[in-house]
Amino acid sequence: MKAWVITFVDQKGERTSLPYIGEHEPTVEEAARRIRAHLFPVMDELDLTDYEDRALMPTAKWLKEHSGVEITAITEAP
């Protein structure tokens, strides 16, 4: 397993990083799900069917539109 770091700008405009462990680099959508679970644990299982088939990355789109959270980088941990 490899360690990855997901860097994002949170709803306060602060740069934040989260660890991610996986065999491969997470996609933007996988990273967005990890961020949502961290920032909004109660909403982690939110049904995003409103975006289904209309958005390529529904969780990333939801985070940006509703919370101003934007992923800035996904890098391998040193």
PDB file of N, CA and C in Angstrom:
ATOM      1  N   MET A   1       0.838  -1.180   0.000  1.00  0.00           N
ATOM      2  CA  MET A   1       0.000   0.000   0.000  1.00  0.00           C
ATOM      3  C   MET A   1       0.883   1.244   0.000  1.00  0.00           C
ATOM      4  N   LYS A   2       0.439   2.252  -0.703  1.00  0.00           N
ATOM      5  CA  LYS A   2       1.167   3.511  -0.756  1.00  0.00           C
ATOM      6  C   LYS A   2       0.420   4.563   0.049  1.00  0.00           C
ATOM      7  N   ALA A   3       1.161   5.550   0.510  1.00  0.00           N
ATOM      8  CA  ALA A   3       0.561   6.670   1.235  1.00  0.00           C
ATOM      9  C   ALA A   3       0.476   7.868   0.287  1.00  0.00           C
ATOM     10  N   TRP A   4      -0.664   8.512   0.281  1.00  0.00           N
ATOM     11  CA  TRP A   4      -0.908   9.681  -0.550  1.00  0.00           C
ATOM     12  C   TRP A   4      -1.348  10.830   0.343  1.00  0.00           C
ATOM     13  N   VAL A   5      -1.202  12.031  -0.150  1.00  0.00           N
ATOM     14  CA  VAL A   5      -1.656  13.218   0.574  1.00  0.00           C
ATOM     15  C   VAL A   5      -2.620  13.981  -0.333  1.00  0.00           C
ATOM     16  N   ILE A   6      -3.810  14.232   0.186  1.00  0.00           N
ATOM     17  CA  ILE A   6      -4.817  15.001  -0.540  1.00  0.00           C
ATOM     18  C   ILE A   6      -4.792  16.412   0.055  1.00  0.00           C
ATOM     19  N   THR A   7      -4.502  17.388  -0.763  1.00  0.00           N
ATOM     20  CA  THR A   7      -4.455  18.778  -0.311  1.00  0.00           C
ATOM     21  C   THR A   7      -5.665  19.500  -0.888  1.00  0.00           C
ATOM     22  N   PHE A   8      -6.321  20.289  -0.049  1.00  0.00           N
ATOM     23  CA  PHE A   8      -7.511  21.006  -0.496  1.00  0.00           C
ATOM     24  C   PHE A   8      -7.660  22.312   0.260  1.00  0.00           C
ATOM     25  N   VAL A   9      -8.472  23.193  -0.282  1.00  0.00           N
ATOM     26  CA  VAL A   9      -8.814  24.445   0.377  1.00  0.00           C
ATOM     27  C   VAL A   9     -10.184  24.226   0.998  1.00  0.00           C
ATOM     28  N   ASP A  10     -10.271  24.419   2.337  1.00  0.00           N
ATOM     29  CA  ASP A  10     -11.534  24.160   3.020  1.00  0.00           C
ATOM     30  C   ASP A  10     -12.485  25.355   2.931  1.00  0.00           C
ATOM     31  N   GLN A  11     -13.617  25.255   3.589  1.00  0.00           N
ATOM     32  CA  GLN A  11     -14.640  26.289   3.502  1.00  0.00           C
ATOM     33  C   GLN A  11     -14.221  27.612   4.134  1.00  0.00           C
ATOM     34  N   LYS A  12     -13.150  27.617   4.907  1.00  0.00           N
ATOM     35  CA  LYS A  12     -12.614  28.853   5.514  1.00  0.00           C
ATOM     36  C   LYS A  12     -11.499  29.442   4.660  1.00  0.00           C
ATOM     37  N   GLY A  13     -11.160  28.771   3.562  1.00  0.00           N
ATOM     38  CA  GLY A  13     -10.092  29.230   2.697  1.00  0.00           C
ATOM     39  C   GLY A  13      -8.711  28.786   3.149  1.00  0.00           C
ATOM     40  N   GLU A  14      -8.661  27.889   4.114  1.00  0.00           N
ATOM     41  CA  GLU A  14      -7.391  27.398   4.631  1.00  0.00           C
ATOM     42  C   GLU A  14      -6.961  26.135   3.888  1.00  0.00           C
ATOM     43  N   ARG A  15      -5.675  26.050   3.593  1.00  0.00           N
ATOM     44  CA  ARG A  15      -5.131  24.865   2.936  1.00  0.00           C
ATOM     45  C   ARG A  15      -5.003  23.752   3.981  1.00  0.00           C
ATOM     46  N   THR A  16      -5.554  22.590   3.667  1.00  0.00           N
ATOM     47  CA  THR A  16      -5.570  21.454   4.580  1.00  0.00           C
ATOM     48  C   THR A  16      -5.128  20.203   3.829  1.00  0.00           C
ATOM     49  N   SER A  17      -4.532  19.255   4.539  1.00  0.00           N
ATOM     50  CA  SER A  17      -4.106  18.001   3.932  1.00  0.00           C
ATOM     51  C   SER A  17      -4.688  16.825   4.700  1.00  0.00           C
ATOM     52  N   LEU A  18      -5.009  15.768   3.962  1.00  0.00           N
ATOM     53  CA  LEU A  18      -5.500  14.526   4.556  1.00  0.00           C
ATOM     54  C   LEU A  18      -4.706  13.357   3.995  1.00  0.00           C
ATOM     55  N   PRO A  19      -4.411  12.371   4.824  1.00  0.00           N
ATOM     56  CA  PRO A  19      -3.728  11.177   4.320  1.00  0.00           C
ATOM     57  C   PRO A  19      -4.705  10.251   3.604  1.00  0.00           C
ATOM     58  N   TYR A  20      -4.193   9.479   2.685  1.00  0.00           N
ATOM     59  CA  TYR A  20      -4.977   8.470   1.970  1.00  0.00           C
ATOM     60  C   TYR A  20      -4.053   7.282   1.743  1.00  0.00           C
ATOM     61  N   ILE A  21      -4.490   6.109   2.091  1.00  0.00           N
ATOM     62  CA  ILE A  21      -3.713   4.892   1.900  1.00  0.00           C
ATOM     63  C   ILE A  21      -4.392   4.044   0.832  1.00  0.00           C
ATOM     64  N   GLY A  22      -3.641   3.668  -0.191  1.00  0.00           N
ATOM     65  CA  GLY A  22      -4.206   2.840  -1.255  1.00  0.00           C
ATOM     66  C   GLY A  22      -3.132   2.363  -2.200  1.00  0.00           C
ATOM     67  N   GLU A  23      -3.479   1.389  -2.999  1.00  0.00           N
ATOM     68  CA  GLU A  23      -2.538   0.838  -3.974  1.00  0.00           C
ATOM     69  C   GLU A  23      -2.217   1.830  -5.080  1.00  0.00           C
ATOM     70  N   HIS A  24      -3.191   2.649  -5.437  1.00  0.00           N
ATOM     71  CA  HIS A  24      -3.015   3.586  -6.537  1.00  0.00           C
ATOM     72  C   HIS A  24      -3.393   4.992  -6.089  1.00  0.00           C
ATOM     73  N   GLU A  25      -2.977   5.961  -6.870  1.00  0.00           N
ATOM     74  CA  GLU A  25      -3.324   7.350  -6.577  1.00  0.00           C
ATOM     75  C   GLU A  25      -4.842   7.497  -6.634  1.00  0.00           C
ATOM     76  N   PRO A  26      -5.439   8.144  -5.620  1.00  0.00           N
ATOM     77  CA  PRO A  26      -6.895   8.290  -5.646  1.00  0.00           C
ATOM     78  C   PRO A  26      -7.343   9.221  -6.769  1.00  0.00           C
ATOM     79  N   THR A  27      -8.503   8.934  -7.307  1.00  0.00           N
ATOM     80  CA  THR A  27      -9.092   9.835  -8.300  1.00  0.00           C
ATOM     81  C   THR A  27      -9.601  11.064  -7.565  1.00  0.00           C
ATOM     82  N   VAL A  28      -9.970  12.085  -8.297  1.00  0.00           N
ATOM     83  CA  VAL A  28     -10.531  13.279  -7.680  1.00  0.00           C
ATOM     84  C   VAL A  28     -11.807  12.922  -6.913  1.00  0.00           C
ATOM     85  N   GLU A  29     -12.611  12.030  -7.468  1.00  0.00           N
ATOM     86  CA  GLU A  29     -13.853  11.625  -6.800  1.00  0.00           C
ATOM     87  C   GLU A  29     -13.569  10.867  -5.505  1.00  0.00           C
ATOM     88  N   GLU A  30     -12.584   9.958  -5.519  1.00  0.00           N
ATOM     89  CA  GLU A  30     -12.213   9.244  -4.291  1.00  0.00           C
ATOM     90  C   GLU A  30     -11.687  10.216  -3.242  1.00  0.00           C
ATOM     91  N   ALA A  31     -10.886  11.181  -3.682  1.00  0.00           N
ATOM     92  CA  ALA A  31     -10.364  12.195  -2.765  1.00  0.00           C
ATOM     93  C   ALA A  31     -11.510  13.031  -2.197  1.00  0.00           C
ATOM     94  N   ALA A  32     -12.466  13.389  -3.030  1.00  0.00           N
ATOM     95  CA  ALA A  32     -13.610  14.187  -2.583  1.00  0.00           C
ATOM     96  C   ALA A  32     -14.429  13.432  -1.529  1.00  0.00           C
ATOM     97  N   ARG A  33     -14.597  12.134  -1.730  1.00  0.00           N
ATOM     98  CA  ARG A  33     -15.326  11.335  -0.727  1.00  0.00           C
ATOM     99  C   ARG A  33     -14.582  11.308   0.600  1.00  0.00           C
ATOM    100  N   ARG A  34     -13.259  11.221   0.556  1.00  0.00           N
ATOM    101  CA  ARG A  34     -12.441  11.226   1.782  1.00  0.00           C
ATOM    102  C   ARG A  34     -12.564  12.576   2.489  1.00  0.00           C
ATOM    103  N   ILE A  35     -12.550  13.657   1.725  1.00  0.00           N
ATOM    104  CA  ILE A  35     -12.696  15.001   2.299  1.00  0.00           C
ATOM    105  C   ILE A  35     -14.079  15.167   2.914  1.00  0.00           C
ATOM    106  N   ARG A  36     -15.109  14.724   2.192  1.00  0.00           N
ATOM    107  CA  ARG A  36     -16.478  14.852   2.717  1.00  0.00           C
ATOM    108  C   ARG A  36     -16.630  14.083   4.018  1.00  0.00           C
ATOM    109  N   ALA A  37     -16.051  12.890   4.104  1.00  0.00           N
ATOM    110  CA  ALA A  37     -16.133  12.100   5.335  1.00  0.00           C
ATOM    111  C   ALA A  37     -15.421  12.811   6.479  1.00  0.00           C
ATOM    112  N   HIS A  38     -14.365  13.528   6.174  1.00  0.00           N
ATOM    113  CA  HIS A  38     -13.609  14.261   7.197  1.00  0.00           C
ATOM    114  C   HIS A  38     -14.346  15.527   7.642  1.00  0.00           C
ATOM    115  N   LEU A  39     -14.832  16.307   6.687  1.00  0.00           N
ATOM    116  CA  LEU A  39     -15.469  17.587   7.019  1.00  0.00           C
ATOM    117  C   LEU A  39     -16.927  17.458   7.457  1.00  0.00           C
ATOM    118  N   PHE A  40     -17.630  16.520   6.876  1.00  0.00           N
ATOM    119  CA  PHE A  40     -19.066  16.372   7.119  1.00  0.00           C
ATOM    120  C   PHE A  40     -19.394  14.916   7.434  1.00  0.00           C
ATOM    121  N   PRO A  41     -18.956  14.401   8.592  1.00  0.00           N
ATOM    122  CA  PRO A  41     -19.155  12.978   8.884  1.00  0.00           C
ATOM    123  C   PRO A  41     -20.614  12.540   8.870  1.00  0.00           C
ATOM    124  N   VAL A  42     -21.515  13.401   9.260  1.00  0.00           N
ATOM    125  CA  VAL A  42     -22.937  13.045   9.273  1.00  0.00           C
ATOM    126  C   VAL A  42     -23.464  12.909   7.857  1.00  0.00           C
ATOM    127  N   MET A  43     -22.919  13.698   6.952  1.00  0.00           N
ATOM    128  CA  MET A  43     -23.384  13.699   5.567  1.00  0.00           C
ATOM    129  C   MET A  43     -22.608  12.723   4.697  1.00  0.00           C
ATOM    130  N   ASP A  44     -21.741  11.950   5.298  1.00  0.00           N
ATOM    131  CA  ASP A  44     -20.876  11.068   4.524  1.00  0.00           C
ATOM    132  C   ASP A  44     -21.649  10.129   3.613  1.00  0.00           C
ATOM    133  N   GLU A  45     -22.796   9.712   4.020  1.00  0.00           N
ATOM    134  CA  GLU A  45     -23.588   8.786   3.207  1.00  0.00           C
ATOM    135  C   GLU A  45     -24.682   9.505   2.424  1.00  0.00           C
ATOM    136  N   LEU A  46     -24.514  10.795   2.210  1.00  0.00           N
ATOM    137  CA  LEU A  46     -25.478  11.601   1.471  1.00  0.00           C
ATOM    138  C   LEU A  46     -25.730  11.025   0.085  1.00  0.00           C
ATOM    139  N   ASP A  47     -26.984  10.946  -0.285  1.00  0.00           N
ATOM    140  CA  ASP A  47     -27.354  10.455  -1.603  1.00  0.00           C
ATOM    141  C   ASP A  47     -27.203  11.598  -2.603  1.00  0.00           C
ATOM    142  N   LEU A  48     -26.329  11.425  -3.560  1.00  0.00           N
ATOM    143  CA  LEU A  48     -26.087  12.460  -4.556  1.00  0.00           C
ATOM    144  C   LEU A  48     -26.768  12.141  -5.878  1.00  0.00           C
ATOM    145  N   THR A  49     -27.909  11.476  -5.821  1.00  0.00           N
ATOM    146  CA  THR A  49     -28.586  11.078  -7.055  1.00  0.00           C
ATOM    147  C   THR A  49     -29.004  12.274  -7.890  1.00  0.00           C
ATOM    148  N   ASP A  50     -29.113  13.447  -7.276  1.00  0.00           N
ATOM    149  CA  ASP A  50     -29.453  14.632  -8.049  1.00  0.00           C
ATOM    150  C   ASP A  50     -28.389  14.892  -9.117  1.00  0.00           C
ATOM    151  N   TYR A  51     -27.149  14.542  -8.813  1.00  0.00           N
ATOM    152  CA  TYR A  51     -26.060  14.748  -9.755  1.00  0.00           C
ATOM    153  C   TYR A  51     -25.770  13.510 -10.606  1.00  0.00           C
ATOM    154  N   GLU A  52     -26.362  12.392 -10.261  1.00  0.00           N
ATOM    155  CA  GLU A  52     -26.071  11.151 -10.977  1.00  0.00           C
ATOM    156  C   GLU A  52     -26.363  11.305 -12.457  1.00  0.00           C
ATOM    157  N   ASP A  53     -25.455  10.846 -13.276  1.00  0.00           N
ATOM    158  CA  ASP A  53     -25.539  10.907 -14.729  1.00  0.00           C
ATOM    159  C   ASP A  53     -25.487  12.331 -15.280  1.00  0.00           C
ATOM    160  N   ARG A  54     -25.351  13.324 -14.405  1.00  0.00           N
ATOM    161  CA  ARG A  54     -25.234  14.703 -14.874  1.00  0.00           C
ATOM    162  C   ARG A  54     -23.871  15.276 -14.538  1.00  0.00           C
ATOM    163  N   ALA A  55     -23.206  14.709 -13.559  1.00  0.00           N
ATOM    164  CA  ALA A  55     -21.901  15.213 -13.150  1.00  0.00           C
ATOM    165  C   ALA A  55     -20.891  14.084 -13.196  1.00  0.00           C
ATOM    166  N   LEU A  56     -19.739  14.376 -13.764  1.00  0.00           N
ATOM    167  CA  LEU A  56     -18.688  13.384 -13.869  1.00  0.00           C
ATOM    168  C   LEU A  56     -18.168  12.978 -12.492  1.00  0.00           C
ATOM    169  N   MET A  57     -18.029  13.943 -11.596  1.00  0.00           N
ATOM    170  CA  MET A  57     -17.537  13.687 -10.238  1.00  0.00           C
ATOM    171  C   MET A  57     -18.526  14.331  -9.251  1.00  0.00           C
ATOM    172  N   PRO A  58     -19.626  13.646  -8.923  1.00  0.00           N
ATOM    173  CA  PRO A  58     -20.679  14.277  -8.128  1.00  0.00           C
ATOM    174  C   PRO A  58     -20.247  14.754  -6.747  1.00  0.00           C
ATOM    175  N   THR A  59     -19.394  14.021  -6.049  1.00  0.00           N
ATOM    176  CA  THR A  59     -18.986  14.443  -4.708  1.00  0.00           C
ATOM    177  C   THR A  59     -18.102  15.675  -4.788  1.00  0.00           C
ATOM    178  N   ALA A  60     -17.160  15.699  -5.719  1.00  0.00           N
ATOM    179  CA  ALA A  60     -16.287  16.860  -5.895  1.00  0.00           C
ATOM    180  C   ALA A  60     -17.115  18.084  -6.281  1.00  0.00           C
ATOM    181  N   LYS A  61     -18.087  17.887  -7.150  1.00  0.00           N
ATOM    182  CA  LYS A  61     -18.955  18.991  -7.581  1.00  0.00           C
ATOM    183  C   LYS A  61     -19.773  19.511  -6.398  1.00  0.00           C
ATOM    184  N   TRP A  62     -20.325  18.615  -5.606  1.00  0.00           N
ATOM    185  CA  TRP A  62     -21.120  19.008  -4.443  1.00  0.00           C
ATOM    186  C   TRP A  62     -20.270  19.800  -3.445  1.00  0.00           C
ATOM    187  N   LEU A  63     -19.061  19.312  -3.158  1.00  0.00           N
ATOM    188  CA  LEU A  63     -18.178  20.008  -2.213  1.00  0.00           C
ATOM    189  C   LEU A  63     -17.887  21.427  -2.679  1.00  0.00           C
ATOM    190  N   LYS A  64     -17.595  21.588  -3.952  1.00  0.00           N
ATOM    191  CA  LYS A  64     -17.261  22.915  -4.475  1.00  0.00           C
ATOM    192  C   LYS A  64     -18.471  23.839  -4.478  1.00  0.00           C
ATOM    193  N   GLU A  65     -19.600  23.355  -4.956  1.00  0.00           N
ATOM    194  CA  GLU A  65     -20.789  24.203  -5.073  1.00  0.00           C
ATOM    195  C   GLU A  65     -21.413  24.567  -3.730  1.00  0.00           C
ATOM    196  N   HIS A  66     -21.423  23.630  -2.795  1.00  0.00           N
ATOM    197  CA  HIS A  66     -22.139  23.867  -1.541  1.00  0.00           C
ATOM    198  C   HIS A  66     -21.245  24.287  -0.383  1.00  0.00           C
ATOM    199  N   SER A  67     -19.952  24.054  -0.483  1.00  0.00           N
ATOM    200  CA  SER A  67     -19.077  24.356   0.641  1.00  0.00           C
ATOM    201  C   SER A  67     -17.847  25.159   0.252  1.00  0.00           C
ATOM    202  N   GLY A  68     -17.618  25.339  -1.026  1.00  0.00           N
ATOM    203  CA  GLY A  68     -16.442  26.066  -1.470  1.00  0.00           C
ATOM    204  C   GLY A  68     -15.147  25.286  -1.283  1.00  0.00           C
ATOM    205  N   VAL A  69     -15.255  23.980  -1.088  1.00  0.00           N
ATOM    206  CA  VAL A  69     -14.080  23.129  -0.881  1.00  0.00           C
ATOM    207  C   VAL A  69     -13.566  22.683  -2.243  1.00  0.00           C
ATOM    208  N   GLU A  70     -12.263  22.884  -2.481  1.00  0.00           N
ATOM    209  CA  GLU A  70     -11.687  22.520  -3.764  1.00  0.00           C
ATOM    210  C   GLU A  70     -10.376  21.765  -3.565  1.00  0.00           C
ATOM    211  N   ILE A  71     -10.249  20.635  -4.239  1.00  0.00           N
ATOM    212  CA  ILE A  71      -9.028  19.835  -4.175  1.00  0.00           C
ATOM    213  C   ILE A  71      -7.964  20.537  -5.003  1.00  0.00           C
ATOM    214  N   THR A  72      -6.791  20.735  -4.404  1.00  0.00           N
ATOM    215  CA  THR A  72      -5.713  21.421  -5.120  1.00  0.00           C
ATOM    216  C   THR A  72      -4.599  20.480  -5.554  1.00  0.00           C
ATOM    217  N   ALA A  73      -4.429  19.357  -4.847  1.00  0.00           N
ATOM    218  CA  ALA A  73      -3.355  18.428  -5.222  1.00  0.00           C
ATOM    219  C   ALA A  73      -3.577  17.060  -4.598  1.00  0.00           C
ATOM    220  N   ILE A  74      -3.094  16.045  -5.301  1.00  0.00           N
ATOM    221  CA  ILE A  74      -3.030  14.676  -4.789  1.00  0.00           C
ATOM    222  C   ILE A  74      -1.609  14.213  -5.092  1.00  0.00           C
ATOM    223  N   THR A  75      -0.828  13.995  -4.041  1.00  0.00           N
ATOM    224  CA  THR A  75       0.574  13.637  -4.229  1.00  0.00           C
ATOM    225  C   THR A  75       0.943  12.423  -3.385  1.00  0.00           C
ATOM    226  N   GLU A  76       1.994  11.743  -3.805  1.00  0.00           N
ATOM    227  CA  GLU A  76       2.491  10.614  -3.018  1.00  0.00           C
ATOM    228  C   GLU A  76       3.210  11.159  -1.797  1.00  0.00           C
ATOM    229  N   ALA A  77       2.939  10.562  -0.643  1.00  0.00           N
ATOM    230  CA  ALA A  77       3.573  11.009   0.595  1.00  0.00           C
ATOM    231  C   ALA A  77       5.071  10.692   0.558  1.00  0.00           C
ATOM    232  N   PRO A  78       5.873  11.566   1.145  1.00  0.00           N
ATOM    233  CA  PRO A  78       7.311  11.316   1.154  1.00  0.00           C
ATOM    234  C   PRO A  78       7.692  10.144   2.040  1.00  0.00           C
TER     235      PRO A  78
END
